[in-house]
Amino acid sequence: MNKKPPYYAVIFTSTHSEYTHGYQEMAEQMELLAKQQKGFLGMESARDRVGITISYWDSLDAIKKWKQHSSHLIAQQKGRQDWYNWYDVKICRVEHEYSFEKKDS
């Protein structure tokens, strides 16, 4: 991601239900669609027992438009109905960032 702060992060944390049929396909479709949205900056995701997906956006308006996108609304409904036992969403403003990467010697 090549965006300098400030920008926004949407942190989606979840646990799955036992029924996950169609989940992976929908998640892939939503990632492709999110990447096409104005204001989308990037995404990171990890899943073990708890899943965490963080998407990055240039504005609160871009986040609002993504949340209201018709295909995303369908995915949200399906998630509440079938795929998730629990989820939590946090929207944060990133003011500063830094990273580390170990280089091979």
Protein backbone atom coordinates (compact mmCIF):
# COMPACT_ATOMS: atom_id res chain seq x y z
CA MET A 1 0.00 0.00 0.00
CA ASN A 2 1.54 3.30 -1.04
CA LYS A 3 -0.69 5.76 0.81
CA LYS A 4 0.66 8.14 3.40
CA PRO A 5 -1.39 8.70 6.56
CA PRO A 6 -3.94 9.80 7.38
CA TYR A 7 -6.24 7.18 5.93
CA TYR A 8 -8.86 4.80 7.35
CA ALA A 9 -8.85 1.14 8.34
CA VAL A 10 -11.95 -1.03 8.64
CA ILE A 11 -11.15 -3.93 10.97
CA PHE A 12 -13.57 -6.85 10.55
CA THR A 13 -13.11 -9.59 13.15
CA SER A 14 -15.30 -12.71 13.04
CA THR A 15 -15.92 -16.29 13.99
CA HIS A 16 -17.54 -18.69 11.54
CA SER A 17 -20.57 -20.84 12.05
CA GLU A 18 -20.39 -24.52 11.11
CA TYR A 19 -22.07 -23.72 7.77
CA THR A 20 -19.54 -22.17 5.41
CA HIS A 21 -20.79 -23.41 2.02
CA GLY A 22 -20.17 -20.64 -0.52
CA TYR A 23 -18.25 -18.44 1.89
CA GLN A 24 -14.84 -18.62 0.17
CA GLU A 25 -16.31 -17.84 -3.23
CA MET A 26 -18.19 -14.83 -1.85
CA ALA A 27 -15.10 -13.59 0.04
CA GLU A 28 -13.05 -13.73 -3.17
CA GLN A 29 -15.80 -11.95 -5.10
CA MET A 30 -16.02 -9.21 -2.44
CA GLU A 31 -12.26 -8.70 -2.48
CA LEU A 32 -12.26 -8.27 -6.27
CA LEU A 33 -15.21 -5.87 -6.06
CA ALA A 34 -13.69 -3.85 -3.20
CA LYS A 35 -10.51 -3.37 -5.24
CA GLN A 36 -12.63 -1.68 -7.94
CA GLN A 37 -14.15 0.85 -5.53
CA LYS A 38 -13.06 4.47 -5.51
CA GLY A 39 -11.02 5.13 -2.41
CA PHE A 40 -9.92 1.52 -1.80
CA LEU A 41 -6.25 1.36 -0.79
CA GLY A 42 -5.58 -2.26 0.13
CA MET A 43 -6.47 -5.23 2.28
CA GLU A 44 -4.91 -7.75 4.68
CA SER A 45 -6.53 -10.89 6.03
CA ALA A 46 -5.79 -13.81 8.34
CA ARG A 47 -7.94 -16.65 9.64
CA ASP A 48 -7.46 -19.29 12.28
CA ARG A 49 -10.24 -19.75 14.82
CA VAL A 50 -10.88 -16.02 14.56
CA GLY A 51 -10.71 -14.19 11.25
CA ILE A 52 -9.41 -10.66 10.86
CA THR A 53 -9.71 -8.68 7.66
CA ILE A 54 -8.50 -5.10 7.49
CA SER A 55 -9.41 -2.97 4.51
CA TYR A 56 -7.87 0.45 3.95
CA TRP A 57 -9.71 3.45 2.51
CA ASP A 58 -8.91 7.07 1.71
CA SER A 59 -12.09 8.48 3.30
CA LEU A 60 -15.08 7.76 5.49
CA ASP A 61 -17.28 8.45 2.46
CA ALA A 62 -15.56 5.65 0.50
CA ILE A 63 -16.20 3.26 3.42
CA LYS A 64 -19.86 4.28 3.57
CA LYS A 65 -20.30 3.72 -0.18
CA TRP A 66 -18.67 0.28 0.06
CA LYS A 67 -20.91 -0.73 2.97
CA GLN A 68 -23.96 0.29 0.91
CA HIS A 69 -22.86 -1.36 -2.37
CA SER A 70 -25.66 -3.67 -3.52
CA SER A 71 -23.48 -6.78 -3.89
CA HIS A 72 -21.82 -6.10 -0.54
CA LEU A 73 -25.26 -5.78 1.09
CA ILE A 74 -26.12 -9.27 -0.18
CA ALA A 75 -22.85 -10.66 1.22
CA GLN A 76 -23.52 -8.97 4.57
CA GLN A 77 -27.00 -10.50 4.77
CA LYS A 78 -25.69 -13.96 3.85
CA GLY A 79 -22.95 -13.61 6.46
CA ARG A 80 -25.42 -12.79 9.25
CA GLN A 81 -27.80 -15.51 8.09
CA ASP A 82 -25.35 -18.38 7.48
CA TRP A 83 -21.62 -17.85 7.84
CA TYR A 84 -20.91 -15.98 11.06
CA ASN A 85 -21.59 -16.73 14.71
CA TRP A 86 -20.18 -13.33 15.62
CA TYR A 87 -18.47 -10.36 14.06
CA ASP A 88 -17.21 -6.96 15.09
CA VAL A 89 -16.37 -3.96 12.92
CA LYS A 90 -14.12 -1.09 13.91
CA ILE A 91 -13.37 1.94 11.76
CA CYS A 92 -10.15 3.73 12.64
CA ARG A 93 -8.21 6.68 11.34
CA VAL A 94 -4.56 5.81 10.77
CA GLU A 95 -2.43 8.76 11.81
CA HIS A 96 1.01 7.16 11.67
CA GLU A 97 2.54 3.91 10.51
CA TYR A 98 5.90 2.17 10.42
CA SER A 99 7.11 -1.30 9.52
CA PHE A 100 10.07 -3.64 9.72
CA GLU A 101 11.28 -6.23 7.24
CA LYS A 102 14.19 -8.53 8.00
CA LYS A 103 16.68 -8.69 5.14
CA ASP A 104 18.60 -11.86 4.36
CA SER A 105 22.31 -11.42 5.15
